[in-house]
N, C-alpha and C. Protein backbone atom coordinates (compact mmCIF):
# COMPACT_ATOMS: atom_id res chain seq x y z
N MET A 1 -22.43 20.50 14.26
CA MET A 1 -22.69 21.92 14.31
C MET A 1 -22.83 22.35 15.76
N GLY A 2 -22.21 23.47 16.08
CA GLY A 2 -22.19 23.94 17.45
C GLY A 2 -23.33 24.88 17.81
N ASP A 3 -23.35 25.28 19.07
CA ASP A 3 -24.39 26.16 19.56
C ASP A 3 -24.47 27.48 18.79
N GLU A 4 -23.33 28.01 18.40
CA GLU A 4 -23.32 29.28 17.68
C GLU A 4 -24.06 29.16 16.34
N HIS A 5 -23.89 28.04 15.66
CA HIS A 5 -24.59 27.82 14.38
C HIS A 5 -26.10 27.89 14.57
N TRP A 6 -26.61 27.14 15.53
CA TRP A 6 -28.05 27.09 15.75
C TRP A 6 -28.57 28.44 16.23
N MET A 7 -27.78 29.13 17.06
CA MET A 7 -28.22 30.43 17.55
C MET A 7 -28.28 31.43 16.40
N ARG A 8 -27.36 31.35 15.47
CA ARG A 8 -27.42 32.26 14.30
C ARG A 8 -28.68 32.00 13.48
N LEU A 9 -29.11 30.75 13.38
CA LEU A 9 -30.37 30.45 12.69
C LEU A 9 -31.56 31.05 13.46
N ALA A 10 -31.51 30.96 14.77
CA ALA A 10 -32.57 31.55 15.59
C ALA A 10 -32.58 33.08 15.44
N ILE A 11 -31.42 33.67 15.36
CA ILE A 11 -31.32 35.12 15.18
C ILE A 11 -31.96 35.53 13.85
N ALA A 12 -31.75 34.75 12.82
CA ALA A 12 -32.38 35.05 11.51
C ALA A 12 -33.90 35.03 11.64
N GLU A 13 -34.44 34.10 12.41
CA GLU A 13 -35.89 34.06 12.66
C GLU A 13 -36.33 35.30 13.44
N ALA A 14 -35.54 35.70 14.42
CA ALA A 14 -35.87 36.88 15.23
C ALA A 14 -35.86 38.15 14.38
N GLU A 15 -34.97 38.21 13.41
CA GLU A 15 -34.93 39.37 12.51
C GLU A 15 -36.24 39.46 11.71
N GLY A 16 -36.79 38.32 11.33
CA GLY A 16 -38.08 38.30 10.65
C GLY A 16 -39.19 38.81 11.54
N ALA A 17 -39.16 38.44 12.81
CA ALA A 17 -40.16 38.92 13.76
C ALA A 17 -40.07 40.43 13.91
N LEU A 18 -38.86 40.95 13.95
CA LEU A 18 -38.65 42.40 14.06
C LEU A 18 -39.30 43.12 12.87
N LEU A 19 -39.13 42.58 11.69
CA LEU A 19 -39.72 43.19 10.49
C LEU A 19 -41.24 43.18 10.53
N ARG A 20 -41.82 42.22 11.26
CA ARG A 20 -43.28 42.13 11.37
C ARG A 20 -43.83 42.90 12.57
N GLY A 21 -42.96 43.61 13.30
CA GLY A 21 -43.41 44.40 14.43
C GLY A 21 -43.55 43.64 15.73
N GLU A 22 -43.04 42.43 15.77
CA GLU A 22 -43.07 41.62 17.00
C GLU A 22 -41.78 41.84 17.78
N VAL A 23 -41.85 41.60 19.09
CA VAL A 23 -40.62 41.59 19.89
C VAL A 23 -39.73 40.51 19.27
N PRO A 24 -38.49 40.85 18.88
CA PRO A 24 -37.65 39.94 18.10
C PRO A 24 -37.01 38.82 18.92
N ILE A 25 -37.84 37.88 19.34
CA ILE A 25 -37.36 36.69 20.04
C ILE A 25 -37.76 35.49 19.20
N ALA A 26 -36.82 34.58 19.01
CA ALA A 26 -37.09 33.37 18.23
C ALA A 26 -36.50 32.17 18.94
N ALA A 27 -37.05 31.00 18.59
CA ALA A 27 -36.61 29.75 19.22
C ALA A 27 -36.57 28.64 18.18
N LEU A 28 -35.62 27.73 18.36
CA LEU A 28 -35.51 26.53 17.53
C LEU A 28 -35.39 25.33 18.45
N VAL A 29 -36.07 24.25 18.09
CA VAL A 29 -35.87 22.97 18.77
C VAL A 29 -35.06 22.12 17.82
N VAL A 30 -33.92 21.64 18.31
CA VAL A 30 -33.04 20.81 17.50
C VAL A 30 -32.98 19.43 18.13
N HIS A 31 -33.27 18.42 17.31
CA HIS A 31 -33.25 17.03 17.77
C HIS A 31 -32.30 16.26 16.85
N ARG A 32 -31.24 15.73 17.43
CA ARG A 32 -30.26 14.93 16.70
C ARG A 32 -29.78 15.63 15.42
N GLY A 33 -29.46 16.91 15.55
CA GLY A 33 -28.87 17.65 14.45
C GLY A 33 -29.83 18.19 13.41
N ALA A 34 -31.13 18.15 13.69
CA ALA A 34 -32.11 18.68 12.74
C ALA A 34 -33.12 19.55 13.49
N VAL A 35 -33.55 20.63 12.85
CA VAL A 35 -34.57 21.49 13.43
C VAL A 35 -35.91 20.78 13.32
N THR A 36 -36.57 20.56 14.46
CA THR A 36 -37.88 19.91 14.47
C THR A 36 -39.00 20.88 14.79
N GLY A 37 -38.64 22.06 15.27
CA GLY A 37 -39.64 23.08 15.56
C GLY A 37 -38.98 24.44 15.61
N LYS A 38 -39.69 25.45 15.16
CA LYS A 38 -39.18 26.80 15.26
C LYS A 38 -40.36 27.74 15.46
N GLY A 39 -40.05 28.89 16.01
CA GLY A 39 -41.09 29.87 16.22
C GLY A 39 -40.50 31.19 16.64
N CYS A 40 -41.28 32.23 16.47
CA CYS A 40 -40.91 33.54 16.97
C CYS A 40 -42.13 34.12 17.66
N ASN A 41 -41.91 35.18 18.40
CA ASN A 41 -43.03 35.79 19.11
C ASN A 41 -44.15 36.13 18.14
N ARG A 42 -45.39 35.84 18.55
CA ARG A 42 -46.57 36.13 17.74
C ARG A 42 -47.64 36.84 18.57
N VAL A 43 -47.22 37.49 19.65
CA VAL A 43 -48.16 38.12 20.56
C VAL A 43 -48.94 39.23 19.87
N GLU A 44 -48.25 40.12 19.18
CA GLU A 44 -48.93 41.24 18.50
C GLU A 44 -49.83 40.73 17.38
N GLU A 45 -49.31 39.83 16.59
CA GLU A 45 -50.06 39.28 15.45
C GLU A 45 -51.30 38.51 15.89
N SER A 46 -51.15 37.68 16.91
CA SER A 46 -52.25 36.81 17.34
C SER A 46 -53.18 37.47 18.36
N GLY A 47 -52.66 38.45 19.09
CA GLY A 47 -53.42 39.04 20.18
C GLY A 47 -53.51 38.15 21.40
N ILE A 48 -52.69 37.10 21.42
CA ILE A 48 -52.69 36.14 22.52
C ILE A 48 -51.39 36.31 23.31
N PRO A 49 -51.47 36.61 24.61
CA PRO A 49 -50.27 36.95 25.37
C PRO A 49 -49.28 35.83 25.56
N PHE A 50 -49.68 34.60 25.34
CA PHE A 50 -48.73 33.50 25.55
C PHE A 50 -48.23 32.89 24.25
N GLU A 51 -48.28 33.63 23.17
CA GLU A 51 -47.70 33.16 21.90
C GLU A 51 -46.22 33.54 21.84
N HIS A 52 -45.48 33.08 22.84
CA HIS A 52 -44.04 33.33 22.89
C HIS A 52 -43.32 32.38 21.95
N ALA A 53 -42.15 32.79 21.51
CA ALA A 53 -41.36 32.00 20.57
C ALA A 53 -41.14 30.57 21.06
N GLU A 54 -40.82 30.42 22.34
CA GLU A 54 -40.53 29.10 22.88
C GLU A 54 -41.74 28.17 22.78
N LEU A 55 -42.92 28.69 23.12
CA LEU A 55 -44.12 27.87 23.08
C LEU A 55 -44.48 27.47 21.66
N VAL A 56 -44.31 28.41 20.72
CA VAL A 56 -44.58 28.10 19.32
C VAL A 56 -43.62 27.00 18.84
N ALA A 57 -42.34 27.14 19.15
CA ALA A 57 -41.34 26.15 18.72
C ALA A 57 -41.59 24.79 19.37
N LEU A 58 -41.89 24.77 20.66
CA LEU A 58 -42.15 23.50 21.35
C LEU A 58 -43.38 22.81 20.79
N ARG A 59 -44.43 23.58 20.53
CA ARG A 59 -45.66 23.01 19.95
C ARG A 59 -45.37 22.43 18.56
N ASN A 60 -44.60 23.15 17.76
CA ASN A 60 -44.25 22.65 16.42
C ASN A 60 -43.40 21.38 16.50
N ALA A 61 -42.45 21.36 17.42
CA ALA A 61 -41.59 20.18 17.57
C ALA A 61 -42.38 18.97 18.05
N ALA A 62 -43.28 19.17 19.01
CA ALA A 62 -44.10 18.06 19.50
C ALA A 62 -44.97 17.51 18.37
N GLY A 63 -45.52 18.40 17.56
CA GLY A 63 -46.33 17.97 16.43
C GLY A 63 -45.51 17.21 15.40
N ALA A 64 -44.33 17.72 15.11
CA ALA A 64 -43.46 17.07 14.11
C ALA A 64 -43.00 15.70 14.58
N ARG A 65 -42.74 15.58 15.87
CA ARG A 65 -42.26 14.31 16.41
C ARG A 65 -43.39 13.38 16.81
N GLY A 66 -44.59 13.91 16.90
CA GLY A 66 -45.73 13.08 17.26
C GLY A 66 -45.73 12.65 18.71
N ARG A 67 -45.08 13.45 19.56
CA ARG A 67 -45.05 13.14 20.98
C ARG A 67 -44.75 14.39 21.78
N TRP A 68 -45.25 14.42 23.00
CA TRP A 68 -45.07 15.61 23.83
C TRP A 68 -43.70 15.68 24.47
N ALA A 69 -43.09 14.55 24.76
CA ALA A 69 -41.77 14.54 25.41
C ALA A 69 -40.69 14.78 24.37
N LEU A 70 -39.92 15.82 24.58
CA LEU A 70 -38.89 16.21 23.62
C LEU A 70 -37.49 15.88 24.13
N ALA A 71 -37.35 14.67 24.67
CA ALA A 71 -36.05 14.20 25.15
C ALA A 71 -35.05 14.23 24.01
N GLU A 72 -33.80 14.42 24.35
CA GLU A 72 -32.70 14.48 23.39
C GLU A 72 -32.76 15.70 22.49
N SER A 73 -33.57 16.68 22.86
CA SER A 73 -33.68 17.91 22.08
C SER A 73 -32.98 19.05 22.80
N VAL A 74 -32.61 20.05 22.04
CA VAL A 74 -32.04 21.28 22.58
C VAL A 74 -32.91 22.42 22.10
N LEU A 75 -33.27 23.32 23.01
CA LEU A 75 -34.03 24.51 22.65
C LEU A 75 -33.07 25.68 22.61
N TYR A 76 -33.02 26.35 21.47
CA TYR A 76 -32.21 27.56 21.28
C TYR A 76 -33.15 28.74 21.26
N VAL A 77 -32.89 29.73 22.12
CA VAL A 77 -33.74 30.91 22.22
C VAL A 77 -32.86 32.15 22.24
N THR A 78 -33.26 33.18 21.53
CA THR A 78 -32.42 34.37 21.42
C THR A 78 -32.37 35.19 22.71
N VAL A 79 -33.38 35.06 23.57
CA VAL A 79 -33.42 35.80 24.83
C VAL A 79 -33.80 34.83 25.96
N GLU A 80 -33.23 35.03 27.11
CA GLU A 80 -33.51 34.19 28.28
C GLU A 80 -35.02 34.05 28.49
N PRO A 81 -35.51 32.83 28.56
CA PRO A 81 -36.95 32.58 28.70
C PRO A 81 -37.55 33.07 30.02
N CYS A 82 -38.85 33.34 29.96
CA CYS A 82 -39.63 33.75 31.13
C CYS A 82 -40.10 32.51 31.90
N ILE A 83 -40.77 32.76 33.01
CA ILE A 83 -41.27 31.68 33.86
C ILE A 83 -42.20 30.74 33.08
N MET A 84 -43.12 31.31 32.31
CA MET A 84 -44.07 30.49 31.55
C MET A 84 -43.35 29.56 30.59
N CYS A 85 -42.38 30.10 29.89
CA CYS A 85 -41.68 29.31 28.87
C CYS A 85 -40.78 28.24 29.49
N VAL A 86 -40.13 28.57 30.60
CA VAL A 86 -39.32 27.55 31.29
C VAL A 86 -40.24 26.44 31.79
N GLY A 87 -41.41 26.80 32.30
CA GLY A 87 -42.37 25.80 32.74
C GLY A 87 -42.76 24.86 31.61
N ALA A 88 -42.97 25.40 30.42
CA ALA A 88 -43.30 24.57 29.26
C ALA A 88 -42.15 23.64 28.91
N MET A 89 -40.91 24.12 29.04
CA MET A 89 -39.75 23.27 28.76
C MET A 89 -39.67 22.12 29.75
N VAL A 90 -39.96 22.42 31.02
CA VAL A 90 -39.96 21.37 32.04
C VAL A 90 -41.00 20.32 31.69
N LEU A 91 -42.21 20.76 31.36
CA LEU A 91 -43.29 19.82 31.03
C LEU A 91 -42.97 19.00 29.78
N ALA A 92 -42.27 19.60 28.82
CA ALA A 92 -41.92 18.90 27.57
C ALA A 92 -40.65 18.06 27.73
N ARG A 93 -40.06 18.09 28.91
CA ARG A 93 -38.86 17.29 29.22
C ARG A 93 -37.66 17.65 28.34
N VAL A 94 -37.54 18.94 27.99
CA VAL A 94 -36.38 19.40 27.22
C VAL A 94 -35.16 19.28 28.13
N PRO A 95 -34.12 18.58 27.71
CA PRO A 95 -32.97 18.40 28.59
C PRO A 95 -31.95 19.55 28.57
N ARG A 96 -31.95 20.34 27.46
CA ARG A 96 -30.92 21.37 27.34
C ARG A 96 -31.49 22.62 26.71
N LEU A 97 -31.11 23.77 27.26
CA LEU A 97 -31.51 25.08 26.77
C LEU A 97 -30.27 25.90 26.51
N VAL A 98 -30.25 26.58 25.37
CA VAL A 98 -29.18 27.52 25.05
C VAL A 98 -29.86 28.84 24.71
N PHE A 99 -29.48 29.90 25.39
CA PHE A 99 -30.09 31.20 25.08
C PHE A 99 -29.02 32.25 24.85
N GLY A 100 -29.43 33.33 24.20
CA GLY A 100 -28.52 34.42 23.85
C GLY A 100 -28.45 35.46 24.95
N ALA A 101 -29.23 36.52 24.80
CA ALA A 101 -29.20 37.64 25.74
C ALA A 101 -29.91 37.31 27.05
N ARG A 102 -29.39 37.82 28.12
CA ARG A 102 -30.05 37.70 29.40
C ARG A 102 -31.20 38.71 29.47
N GLU A 103 -32.23 38.37 30.23
CA GLU A 103 -33.39 39.23 30.38
C GLU A 103 -33.54 39.60 31.86
N PRO A 104 -33.01 40.76 32.26
CA PRO A 104 -32.96 41.11 33.69
C PRO A 104 -34.32 41.32 34.34
N ARG A 105 -35.37 41.56 33.56
CA ARG A 105 -36.69 41.81 34.16
C ARG A 105 -37.54 40.56 34.29
N THR A 106 -37.41 39.62 33.35
CA THR A 106 -38.30 38.45 33.38
C THR A 106 -37.58 37.12 33.21
N GLY A 107 -36.28 37.13 33.07
CA GLY A 107 -35.53 35.90 32.82
C GLY A 107 -35.62 34.91 33.97
N ALA A 108 -36.05 33.70 33.66
CA ALA A 108 -36.28 32.70 34.70
C ALA A 108 -35.24 31.58 34.69
N CYS A 109 -34.11 31.82 34.02
CA CYS A 109 -33.04 30.81 34.00
C CYS A 109 -31.89 31.18 34.92
N GLU A 110 -31.65 32.49 35.05
CA GLU A 110 -30.60 32.93 35.96
C GLU A 110 -30.76 34.38 36.40
N SER A 111 -31.54 35.17 35.69
CA SER A 111 -31.63 36.59 36.02
C SER A 111 -32.50 36.88 37.23
N ILE A 112 -33.79 36.51 37.22
CA ILE A 112 -34.62 36.74 38.41
C ILE A 112 -34.88 35.43 39.16
N LEU A 113 -34.87 34.33 38.42
CA LEU A 113 -35.02 32.99 38.99
C LEU A 113 -34.05 32.06 38.28
N ALA A 114 -33.84 30.89 38.85
CA ALA A 114 -33.00 29.87 38.22
C ALA A 114 -33.76 28.55 38.20
N ILE A 115 -34.90 28.55 37.54
CA ILE A 115 -35.78 27.38 37.53
C ILE A 115 -35.11 26.12 36.96
N PRO A 116 -34.35 26.22 35.87
CA PRO A 116 -33.77 24.99 35.31
C PRO A 116 -32.91 24.20 36.28
N ALA A 117 -32.26 24.87 37.22
CA ALA A 117 -31.38 24.19 38.17
C ALA A 117 -32.00 24.02 39.55
N ASP A 118 -33.23 24.44 39.72
CA ASP A 118 -33.87 24.39 41.03
C ASP A 118 -34.11 22.94 41.44
N PRO A 119 -33.59 22.52 42.59
CA PRO A 119 -33.76 21.13 43.03
C PRO A 119 -35.22 20.76 43.32
N ALA A 120 -36.08 21.76 43.52
CA ALA A 120 -37.50 21.48 43.79
C ALA A 120 -38.26 21.11 42.52
N VAL A 121 -37.68 21.40 41.35
CA VAL A 121 -38.33 21.09 40.08
C VAL A 121 -37.96 19.67 39.68
N GLU A 122 -38.97 18.89 39.35
CA GLU A 122 -38.76 17.46 39.06
C GLU A 122 -37.82 17.22 37.87
N HIS A 123 -37.97 17.98 36.81
CA HIS A 123 -37.12 17.81 35.62
C HIS A 123 -36.16 18.98 35.53
N ARG A 124 -34.89 18.71 35.59
CA ARG A 124 -33.89 19.78 35.49
C ARG A 124 -33.45 19.93 34.05
N ILE A 125 -33.11 21.16 33.72
CA ILE A 125 -32.66 21.50 32.37
C ILE A 125 -31.26 22.08 32.47
N SER A 126 -30.37 21.58 31.65
CA SER A 126 -29.04 22.16 31.56
C SER A 126 -29.16 23.44 30.72
N ALA A 127 -28.85 24.58 31.32
CA ALA A 127 -29.03 25.87 30.63
C ALA A 127 -27.69 26.57 30.46
N VAL A 128 -27.48 27.08 29.25
CA VAL A 128 -26.28 27.83 28.92
C VAL A 128 -26.73 29.15 28.32
N GLY A 129 -26.26 30.26 28.86
CA GLY A 129 -26.63 31.57 28.35
C GLY A 129 -25.46 32.31 27.78
N GLY A 130 -25.75 33.37 27.04
CA GLY A 130 -24.71 34.25 26.52
C GLY A 130 -24.21 33.90 25.13
N ILE A 131 -24.83 32.94 24.45
CA ILE A 131 -24.38 32.55 23.11
C ILE A 131 -24.90 33.58 22.11
N GLU A 132 -23.99 34.24 21.39
CA GLU A 132 -24.34 35.30 20.44
C GLU A 132 -25.15 36.41 21.13
N ALA A 133 -24.84 36.65 22.40
CA ALA A 133 -25.62 37.58 23.22
C ALA A 133 -25.63 39.00 22.67
N ASP A 134 -24.52 39.46 22.13
CA ASP A 134 -24.48 40.83 21.63
C ASP A 134 -25.47 41.06 20.49
N ARG A 135 -25.52 40.14 19.57
CA ARG A 135 -26.45 40.27 18.43
C ARG A 135 -27.90 40.16 18.91
N CYS A 136 -28.16 39.25 19.83
CA CYS A 136 -29.51 39.09 20.37
C CYS A 136 -29.95 40.35 21.10
N SER A 137 -29.06 40.93 21.90
CA SER A 137 -29.36 42.17 22.62
C SER A 137 -29.59 43.32 21.65
N GLU A 138 -28.78 43.37 20.61
CA GLU A 138 -28.91 44.43 19.61
C GLU A 138 -30.29 44.42 18.95
N LEU A 139 -30.81 43.23 18.66
CA LEU A 139 -32.15 43.13 18.07
C LEU A 139 -33.21 43.68 19.02
N MET A 140 -33.10 43.33 20.28
CA MET A 140 -34.06 43.82 21.28
C MET A 140 -33.96 45.34 21.42
N GLN A 141 -32.75 45.86 21.47
CA GLN A 141 -32.57 47.31 21.59
C GLN A 141 -33.13 48.03 20.38
N THR A 142 -32.93 47.47 19.20
CA THR A 142 -33.49 48.07 17.99
C THR A 142 -35.00 48.12 18.06
N PHE A 143 -35.62 47.03 18.47
CA PHE A 143 -37.08 46.98 18.57
C PHE A 143 -37.59 48.07 19.50
N PHE A 144 -37.04 48.15 20.72
CA PHE A 144 -37.55 49.10 21.69
C PHE A 144 -37.19 50.54 21.33
N ARG A 145 -36.06 50.76 20.69
CA ARG A 145 -35.71 52.10 20.20
C ARG A 145 -36.73 52.54 19.15
N ASN A 146 -37.07 51.63 18.23
CA ASN A 146 -38.07 51.94 17.20
C ASN A 146 -39.43 52.21 17.82
N ARG A 147 -39.80 51.42 18.81
CA ARG A 147 -41.10 51.60 19.48
C ARG A 147 -41.16 52.97 20.15
N ARG A 148 -40.10 53.34 20.88
CA ARG A 148 -40.09 54.65 21.55
C ARG A 148 -40.15 55.78 20.53
N SER A 149 -39.45 55.64 19.43
CA SER A 149 -39.46 56.66 18.39
C SER A 149 -40.86 56.82 17.80
N THR A 150 -41.54 55.72 17.53
CA THR A 150 -42.89 55.76 16.99
C THR A 150 -43.85 56.40 17.98
N GLU A 151 -43.70 56.07 19.26
CA GLU A 151 -44.58 56.64 20.28
C GLU A 151 -44.37 58.15 20.40
N ARG A 152 -43.10 58.61 20.32
CA ARG A 152 -42.80 60.05 20.40
C ARG A 152 -43.40 60.80 19.21
N GLU A 153 -43.45 60.15 18.06
CA GLU A 153 -43.98 60.80 16.86
C GLU A 153 -45.50 60.76 16.82
N GLY A 154 -46.10 60.20 17.86
CA GLY A 154 -47.56 60.17 17.94
C GLY A 154 -48.19 59.01 17.20
N GLY A 155 -47.39 58.05 16.82
CA GLY A 155 -47.91 56.91 16.09
C GLY A 155 -48.45 55.80 16.97
N GLY A 156 -48.37 55.97 18.27
CA GLY A 156 -48.84 54.90 19.17
C GLY A 156 -47.87 53.75 19.20
N ARG A 157 -48.29 52.69 19.82
CA ARG A 157 -47.44 51.49 19.93
C ARG A 157 -47.41 50.74 18.62
N LEU A 158 -46.29 50.06 18.39
CA LEU A 158 -46.17 49.24 17.19
C LEU A 158 -47.13 48.09 17.21
């Protein structure tokens, strides 16, 4: 199964997050052809600012595998990860990252920083972006369009 297959599964998770009022970002950890961890943003639900999809998925994968090092795994994320999430991938020794939409404001893989390829970082990550990017971007645009509409109607933030 190729990157597009796994990204479509991540997109389905992100759609669920959208329905729950979360920023629609989801992540899957795939190890040897099987999903070992998955997660979507839980910031609104949990009230914790670092409950990003990537951290939830990495935590679930480490628990499922019974070890912190996630060698031979691929992390699929619908949106380019932030600095915090890339740092977690480095610490978990994830060798490969595949993401959908680029994030021009906070993306730490190629948009504002390129941490995965930085020679100063001890563990490098092979990162590929743009997989199913249009659908991933569309989910984000839908979320923020809905949020702006709710705010204009006086309903406050989602």
